[in-house]
PDB file of N, CA and C in Angstrom:
ATOM      1  N   UNK A   1      -0.940 -10.723  -3.176  1.00  0.00           N
ATOM      2  CA  UNK A   1       0.760 -10.060  -3.737  1.00  0.00           C
ATOM      3  C   UNK A   1       0.956  -8.569  -4.029  1.00  0.00           C
ATOM      4  N   UNK A   2      -0.067  -8.004  -5.080  1.00  0.00           N
ATOM      5  CA  UNK A   2      -0.166  -6.519  -4.732  1.00  0.00           C
ATOM      6  C   UNK A   2      -0.303  -5.710  -3.648  1.00  0.00           C
ATOM      7  N   UNK A   3      -1.627  -5.814  -2.971  1.00  0.00           N
ATOM      8  CA  UNK A   3      -1.522  -5.451  -1.431  1.00  0.00           C
ATOM      9  C   UNK A   3       0.161  -5.336  -1.016  1.00  0.00           C
ATOM     10  N   UNK A   4       1.447  -6.626  -0.252  1.00  0.00           N
ATOM     11  CA  UNK A   4       2.188  -6.440   0.353  1.00  0.00           C
ATOM     12  C   UNK A   4       3.063  -4.875  -0.933  1.00  0.00           C
ATOM     13  N   UNK A   5       3.070  -5.272  -2.455  1.00  0.00           N
ATOM     14  CA  UNK A   5       3.354  -4.138  -2.999  1.00  0.00           C
ATOM     15  C   UNK A   5       3.317  -2.514  -2.982  1.00  0.00           C
ATOM     16  N   UNK A   6       1.965  -2.634  -2.763  1.00  0.00           N
ATOM     17  CA  UNK A   6       1.663  -0.925  -2.373  1.00  0.00           C
ATOM     18  C   UNK A   6       1.580  -0.735  -0.537  1.00  0.00           C
ATOM     19  N   UNK A   7       1.868  -1.341   0.365  1.00  0.00           N
ATOM     20  CA  UNK A   7       0.971  -1.471   1.094  1.00  0.00           C
ATOM     21  C   UNK A   7       2.698  -2.018   2.114  1.00  0.00           C
ATOM     22  N   UNK A   8       3.599  -2.622   1.603  1.00  0.00           N
ATOM     23  CA  UNK A   8       4.132  -3.329   2.522  1.00  0.00           C
ATOM     24  C   UNK A   8       4.174  -4.191   3.606  1.00  0.00           C
ATOM     25  N   UNK A   9       4.953  -5.357   3.895  1.00  0.00           N
ATOM     26  CA  UNK A   9       4.929  -6.037   4.487  1.00  0.00           C
ATOM     27  C   UNK A   9       5.151  -5.816   6.076  1.00  0.00           C
ATOM     28  N   UNK A  10       5.243  -6.972   7.249  1.00  0.00           N
ATOM     29  CA  UNK A  10       5.884  -6.844   8.438  1.00  0.00           C
ATOM     30  C   UNK A  10       5.985  -8.197   9.174  1.00  0.00           C
ATOM     31  N   UNK A  11       6.704  -8.186   9.243  1.00  0.00           N
ATOM     32  CA  UNK A  11       8.145  -9.899   9.423  1.00  0.00           C
ATOM     33  C   UNK A  11       6.559 -10.674  10.180  1.00  0.00           C
ATOM     34  N   UNK A  12       6.318 -11.818   9.309  1.00  0.00           N
ATOM     35  CA  UNK A  12       5.894 -12.613  10.016  1.00  0.00           C
ATOM     36  C   UNK A  12       3.906 -13.000   9.662  1.00  0.00           C
ATOM     37  N   UNK A  13       4.183 -11.825   8.526  1.00  0.00           N
ATOM     38  CA  UNK A  13       3.158 -11.157   7.879  1.00  0.00           C
ATOM     39  C   UNK A  13       2.109 -13.163   7.476  1.00  0.00           C
ATOM     40  N   UNK A  14       2.766 -13.373   6.715  1.00  0.00           N
ATOM     41  CA  UNK A  14       2.894 -14.612   5.251  1.00  0.00           C
ATOM     42  C   UNK A  14       4.189 -15.943   5.615  1.00  0.00           C
ATOM     43  N   UNK A  15       4.041 -16.666   5.356  1.00  0.00           N
ATOM     44  CA  UNK A  15       5.489 -17.801   5.145  1.00  0.00           C
ATOM     45  C   UNK A  15       6.096 -16.906   4.261  1.00  0.00           C
ATOM     46  N   UNK A  16       7.094 -16.813   5.156  1.00  0.00           N
ATOM     47  CA  UNK A  16       8.563 -16.275   4.357  1.00  0.00           C
ATOM     48  C   UNK A  16       8.282 -14.477   4.060  1.00  0.00           C
ATOM     49  N   UNK A  17       7.568 -13.797   4.449  1.00  0.00           N
ATOM     50  CA  UNK A  17       7.184 -12.648   4.719  1.00  0.00           C
ATOM     51  C   UNK A  17       8.723 -11.661   5.664  1.00  0.00           C
ATOM     52  N   UNK A  18       8.746 -10.109   5.092  1.00  0.00           N
ATOM     53  CA  UNK A  18       9.744 -10.278   6.290  1.00  0.00           C
ATOM     54  C   UNK A  18       9.447  -9.103   6.016  1.00  0.00           C
ATOM     55  N   UNK A  19      10.557  -8.202   6.638  1.00  0.00           N
ATOM     56  CA  UNK A  19      10.349  -6.372   6.727  1.00  0.00           C
ATOM     57  C   UNK A  19      10.095  -6.015   5.651  1.00  0.00           C
ATOM     58  N   UNK A  20       9.144  -5.275   4.846  1.00  0.00           N
ATOM     59  CA  UNK A  20       9.141  -4.661   3.642  1.00  0.00           C
ATOM     60  C   UNK A  20       8.900  -3.312   3.427  1.00  0.00           C
ATOM     61  N   UNK A  21       9.220  -2.120   2.882  1.00  0.00           N
ATOM     62  CA  UNK A  21       8.720  -1.329   2.727  1.00  0.00           C
ATOM     63  C   UNK A  21       7.895  -1.125   1.315  1.00  0.00           C
ATOM     64  N   UNK A  22       6.309  -0.490   1.331  1.00  0.00           N
ATOM     65  CA  UNK A  22       5.805  -0.597   0.125  1.00  0.00           C
ATOM     66  C   UNK A  22       5.994   0.692  -0.910  1.00  0.00           C
ATOM     67  N   UNK A  23       5.318   0.915  -2.229  1.00  0.00           N
ATOM     68  CA  UNK A  23       5.710   1.694  -2.841  1.00  0.00           C
ATOM     69  C   UNK A  23       4.630   3.131  -2.738  1.00  0.00           C
ATOM     70  N   UNK A  24       3.699   3.044  -1.942  1.00  0.00           N
ATOM     71  CA  UNK A  24       3.676   3.990  -0.951  1.00  0.00           C
ATOM     72  C   UNK A  24       4.570   4.957  -0.108  1.00  0.00           C
ATOM     73  N   UNK A  25       4.929   3.968   0.627  1.00  0.00           N
ATOM     74  CA  UNK A  25       5.949   5.201   1.551  1.00  0.00           C
ATOM     75  C   UNK A  25       7.885   4.981   1.203  1.00  0.00           C
ATOM     76  N   UNK A  26       7.464   4.233   0.065  1.00  0.00           N
ATOM     77  CA  UNK A  26       9.392   4.809  -0.855  1.00  0.00           C
ATOM     78  C   UNK A  26       8.583   6.113  -2.002  1.00  0.00           C
ATOM     79  N   UNK A  27       7.414   5.978  -2.130  1.00  0.00           N
ATOM     80  CA  UNK A  27       7.032   7.480  -2.947  1.00  0.00           C
ATOM     81  C   UNK A  27       6.813   8.989  -1.592  1.00  0.00           C
ATOM     82  N   UNK A  28       7.304   9.218  -0.620  1.00  0.00           N
ATOM     83  CA  UNK A  28       6.566   9.409   0.667  1.00  0.00           C
ATOM     84  C   UNK A  28       7.369  10.424  -0.013  1.00  0.00           C
ATOM     85  N   UNK A  29       6.339  11.492  -0.313  1.00  0.00           N
ATOM     86  CA  UNK A  29       6.818  12.890  -0.280  1.00  0.00           C
ATOM     87  C   UNK A  29       6.595  13.340  -2.026  1.00  0.00           C
ATOM     88  N   UNK A  30       6.645  12.709  -2.548  1.00  0.00           N
ATOM     89  CA  UNK A  30       6.602  12.526  -3.825  1.00  0.00           C
ATOM     90  C   UNK A  30       5.187  12.074  -4.929  1.00  0.00           C
ATOM     91  N   UNK A  31       5.314  11.363  -5.694  1.00  0.00           N
ATOM     92  CA  UNK A  31       4.528  10.731  -6.818  1.00  0.00           C
ATOM     93  C   UNK A  31       4.116   9.491  -7.412  1.00  0.00           C
ATOM     94  N   UNK A  32       3.180   8.879  -7.092  1.00  0.00           N
ATOM     95  CA  UNK A  32       3.327   7.190  -7.390  1.00  0.00           C
ATOM     96  C   UNK A  32       2.124   7.322  -8.567  1.00  0.00           C
ATOM     97  N   UNK A  33       2.959   6.800  -9.889  1.00  0.00           N
ATOM     98  CA  UNK A  33       2.482   6.681 -10.644  1.00  0.00           C
ATOM     99  C   UNK A  33       1.302   5.336 -10.468  1.00  0.00           C
ATOM    100  N   UNK A  34      -0.044   4.833 -10.942  1.00  0.00           N
ATOM    101  CA  UNK A  34      -0.888   3.478 -11.030  1.00  0.00           C
ATOM    102  C   UNK A  34      -1.144   3.714 -12.768  1.00  0.00           C
ATOM    103  N   UNK A  35      -0.899   2.401 -13.158  1.00  0.00           N
ATOM    104  CA  UNK A  35      -1.661   2.466 -14.772  1.00  0.00           C
ATOM    105  C   UNK A  35      -2.815   1.170 -14.230  1.00  0.00           C
ATOM    106  N   UNK A  36      -3.177   0.698 -15.002  1.00  0.00           N
ATOM    107  CA  UNK A  36      -4.306   0.306 -15.324  1.00  0.00           C
ATOM    108  C   UNK A  36      -4.838  -0.012 -13.487  1.00  0.00           C
ATOM    109  N   UNK A  37      -5.743   0.285 -12.921  1.00  0.00           N
ATOM    110  CA  UNK A  37      -6.311   0.083 -12.230  1.00  0.00           C
ATOM    111  C   UNK A  37      -7.445  -1.075 -12.142  1.00  0.00           C
ATOM    112  N   UNK A  38      -7.914  -0.979 -13.448  1.00  0.00           N
ATOM    113  CA  UNK A  38      -8.894  -2.137 -13.451  1.00  0.00           C
ATOM    114  C   UNK A  38      -8.828  -2.913 -13.283  1.00  0.00           C
ATOM    115  N   UNK A  39      -7.594  -3.610 -13.793  1.00  0.00           N
ATOM    116  CA  UNK A  39      -6.946  -5.200 -13.162  1.00  0.00           C
ATOM    117  C   UNK A  39      -7.191  -5.236 -11.931  1.00  0.00           C
ATOM    118  N   UNK A  40      -6.989  -4.259 -10.752  1.00  0.00           N
ATOM    119  CA  UNK A  40      -6.906  -4.911  -9.080  1.00  0.00           C
ATOM    120  C   UNK A  40      -8.071  -6.001  -8.907  1.00  0.00           C
ATOM    121  N   UNK A  41      -7.573  -6.593  -8.254  1.00  0.00           N
ATOM    122  CA  UNK A  41      -8.942  -7.087  -7.296  1.00  0.00           C
ATOM    123  C   UNK A  41      -9.845  -6.747  -6.935  1.00  0.00           C
ATOM    124  N   UNK A  42     -11.201  -7.249  -6.888  1.00  0.00           N
ATOM    125  CA  UNK A  42     -11.653  -6.583  -5.782  1.00  0.00           C
ATOM    126  C   UNK A  42     -11.637  -6.622  -5.211  1.00  0.00           C
ATOM    127  N   UNK A  43     -10.654  -7.184  -4.007  1.00  0.00           N
ATOM    128  CA  UNK A  43     -10.528  -6.892  -2.546  1.00  0.00           C
ATOM    129  C   UNK A  43      -9.233  -5.878  -2.678  1.00  0.00           C
ATOM    130  N   UNK A  44      -8.719  -5.095  -3.491  1.00  0.00           N
ATOM    131  CA  UNK A  44      -7.377  -4.383  -3.524  1.00  0.00           C
ATOM    132  C   UNK A  44      -8.372  -2.679  -3.714  1.00  0.00           C
ATOM    133  N   UNK A  45      -9.598  -3.572  -3.953  1.00  0.00           N
ATOM    134  CA  UNK A  45      -9.913  -2.185  -4.404  1.00  0.00           C
ATOM    135  C   UNK A  45     -10.495  -1.101  -3.562  1.00  0.00           C
ATOM    136  N   UNK A  46     -10.802  -1.405  -2.864  1.00  0.00           N
ATOM    137  CA  UNK A  46     -11.536  -0.525  -1.446  1.00  0.00           C
ATOM    138  C   UNK A  46     -10.502   0.041  -0.615  1.00  0.00           C
ATOM    139  N   UNK A  47      -9.558  -0.889  -0.526  1.00  0.00           N
ATOM    140  CA  UNK A  47      -8.144  -0.180   0.099  1.00  0.00           C
ATOM    141  C   UNK A  47      -7.571   0.383  -0.722  1.00  0.00           C
ATOM    142  N   UNK A  48      -7.146   0.699  -2.126  1.00  0.00           N
ATOM    143  CA  UNK A  48      -6.638   1.169  -2.507  1.00  0.00           C
ATOM    144  C   UNK A  48      -7.620   2.622  -2.485  1.00  0.00           C
ATOM    145  N   UNK A  49      -8.765   2.465  -2.147  1.00  0.00           N
ATOM    146  CA  UNK A  49      -9.571   3.851  -2.273  1.00  0.00           C
ATOM    147  C   UNK A  49      -9.833   4.495  -0.362  1.00  0.00           C
ATOM    148  N   UNK A  50      -9.749   3.912  -0.071  1.00  0.00           N
ATOM    149  CA  UNK A  50      -9.200   4.046   1.423  1.00  0.00           C
ATOM    150  C   UNK A  50      -8.137   4.504   1.909  1.00  0.00           C
ATOM    151  N   UNK A  51      -7.470   4.742   1.065  1.00  0.00           N
ATOM    152  CA  UNK A  51      -5.832   5.342   0.963  1.00  0.00           C
ATOM    153  C   UNK A  51      -6.394   6.706   0.473  1.00  0.00           C
ATOM    154  N   UNK A  52      -7.111   6.638  -0.685  1.00  0.00           N
ATOM    155  CA  UNK A  52      -6.969   7.918  -1.165  1.00  0.00           C
ATOM    156  C   UNK A  52      -7.865   8.793  -0.610  1.00  0.00           C
ATOM    157  N   UNK A  53      -8.656   7.591   0.471  1.00  0.00           N
ATOM    158  CA  UNK A  53      -9.294   9.628   0.929  1.00  0.00           C
ATOM    159  C   UNK A  53      -8.613   9.898   2.493  1.00  0.00           C
ATOM    160  N   UNK A  54      -8.501   8.794   3.616  1.00  0.00           N
ATOM    161  CA  UNK A  54      -7.847   9.348   4.538  1.00  0.00           C
ATOM    162  C   UNK A  54      -5.982   9.178   4.044  1.00  0.00           C
ATOM    163  N   UNK A  55      -5.597   9.033   3.134  1.00  0.00           N
ATOM    164  CA  UNK A  55      -4.253   9.394   3.507  1.00  0.00           C
ATOM    165  C   UNK A  55      -3.417   8.035   4.664  1.00  0.00           C
ATOM    166  N   UNK A  56      -4.306   6.651   5.051  1.00  0.00           N
ATOM    167  CA  UNK A  56      -3.371   6.292   6.810  1.00  0.00           C
ATOM    168  C   UNK A  56      -3.758   5.057   4.968  1.00  0.00           C
ATOM    169  N   UNK A  57      -2.442   4.083   5.622  1.00  0.00           N
ATOM    170  CA  UNK A  57      -2.453   2.560   5.220  1.00  0.00           C
ATOM    171  C   UNK A  57      -2.257   1.649   6.569  1.00  0.00           C
ATOM    172  N   UNK A  58      -2.684   0.597   6.470  1.00  0.00           N
ATOM    173  CA  UNK A  58      -1.803  -0.123   6.940  1.00  0.00           C
ATOM    174  C   UNK A  58      -0.925  -1.453   6.628  1.00  0.00           C
ATOM    175  N   UNK A  59       0.436  -1.350   6.580  1.00  0.00           N
ATOM    176  CA  UNK A  59       1.100  -2.170   6.559  1.00  0.00           C
ATOM    177  C   UNK A  59       0.647  -4.249   6.890  1.00  0.00           C
ATOM    178  N   UNK A  60       0.815  -5.119   5.796  1.00  0.00           N
ATOM    179  CA  UNK A  60       0.397  -6.777   5.877  1.00  0.00           C
ATOM    180  C   UNK A  60       1.212  -6.771   6.543  1.00  0.00           C
ATOM    181  N   UNK A  61      -0.008  -7.652   7.650  1.00  0.00           N
ATOM    182  CA  UNK A  61       0.631  -8.124   8.678  1.00  0.00           C
ATOM    183  C   UNK A  61       0.660  -6.840   9.607  1.00  0.00           C
ATOM    184  N   UNK A  62       0.336  -5.963   9.484  1.00  0.00           N
ATOM    185  CA  UNK A  62       0.902  -4.266  11.080  1.00  0.00           C
ATOM    186  C   UNK A  62       0.571  -3.785  11.865  1.00  0.00           C
ATOM    187  N   UNK A  63       0.609  -3.845  13.004  1.00  0.00           N
ATOM    188  CA  UNK A  63      -0.178  -3.820  13.612  1.00  0.00           C
ATOM    189  C   UNK A  63      -0.566  -1.959  14.392  1.00  0.00           C
ATOM    190  N   UNK A  64       0.066  -1.143  13.566  1.00  0.00           N
ATOM    191  CA  UNK A  64      -0.358   0.159  13.582  1.00  0.00           C
ATOM    192  C   UNK A  64      -1.079   1.076  12.045  1.00  0.00           C
ATOM    193  N   UNK A  65      -1.410   2.015  12.746  1.00  0.00           N
ATOM    194  CA  UNK A  65      -2.053   2.310  11.099  1.00  0.00           C
ATOM    195  C   UNK A  65      -0.739   3.015  10.240  1.00  0.00           C
ATOM    196  N   UNK A  66      -0.699   3.606   9.262  1.00  0.00           N
ATOM    197  CA  UNK A  66       0.710   4.768   8.618  1.00  0.00           C
ATOM    198  C   UNK A  66       0.298   5.932   8.207  1.00  0.00           C
ATOM    199  N   UNK A  67       0.875   6.995   8.304  1.00  0.00           N
ATOM    200  CA  UNK A  67      -0.122   8.080   7.154  1.00  0.00           C
ATOM    201  C   UNK A  67       1.003   8.442   6.710  1.00  0.00           C
ATOM    202  N   UNK A  68       0.649   8.999   4.646  1.00  0.00           N
ATOM    203  CA  UNK A  68       2.175   9.554   4.117  1.00  0.00           C
ATOM    204  C   UNK A  68       0.994  10.666   3.364  1.00  0.00           C
ATOM    205  N   UNK A  69       2.359  10.780   2.904  1.00  0.00           N
ATOM    206  CA  UNK A  69       2.162  12.220   1.794  1.00  0.00           C
ATOM    207  C   UNK A  69       2.342  12.047   0.482  1.00  0.00           C
ATOM    208  N   UNK A  70       1.596  11.251  -0.057  1.00  0.00           N
ATOM    209  CA  UNK A  70       2.030  10.876  -1.720  1.00  0.00           C
ATOM    210  C   UNK A  70       1.005  11.466  -2.337  1.00  0.00           C
ATOM    211  N   UNK A  71       1.826  11.586  -3.862  1.00  0.00           N
ATOM    212  CA  UNK A  71       0.568  12.069  -5.225  1.00  0.00           C
ATOM    213  C   UNK A  71       0.595  10.810  -5.732  1.00  0.00           C
ATOM    214  N   UNK A  72      -1.388  10.904  -5.985  1.00  0.00           N
ATOM    215  CA  UNK A  72      -1.141   9.501  -6.980  1.00  0.00           C
ATOM    216  C   UNK A  72      -1.846  10.164  -8.003  1.00  0.00           C
ATOM    217  N   UNK A  73      -1.050   9.102  -9.412  1.00  0.00           N
ATOM    218  CA  UNK A  73      -1.558   9.490 -10.182  1.00  0.00           C
ATOM    219  C   UNK A  73      -1.824   8.538 -10.951  1.00  0.00           C
ATOM    220  N   UNK A  74      -3.184   8.202 -11.441  1.00  0.00           N
ATOM    221  CA  UNK A  74      -3.386   7.310 -12.086  1.00  0.00           C
ATOM    222  C   UNK A  74      -3.875   7.578 -13.483  1.00  0.00           C
TER     223      UNK A  74
END
């Protein structure tokens, strides 16, 4: 669930999923404050690290890589 909130979803990614923007996409050009990163699941941590290194991400169920310009404060 946190992955869909951070990166967004595409319609059909899972049962009942609709096309939705994630926090990263909504914060485009601004700052995203993330708290308690130590409580992220072990599966989500490398995805977030990959975003922080490359500034690119995939929406859940997406078929293309997306890029963003967001300052992250953790």
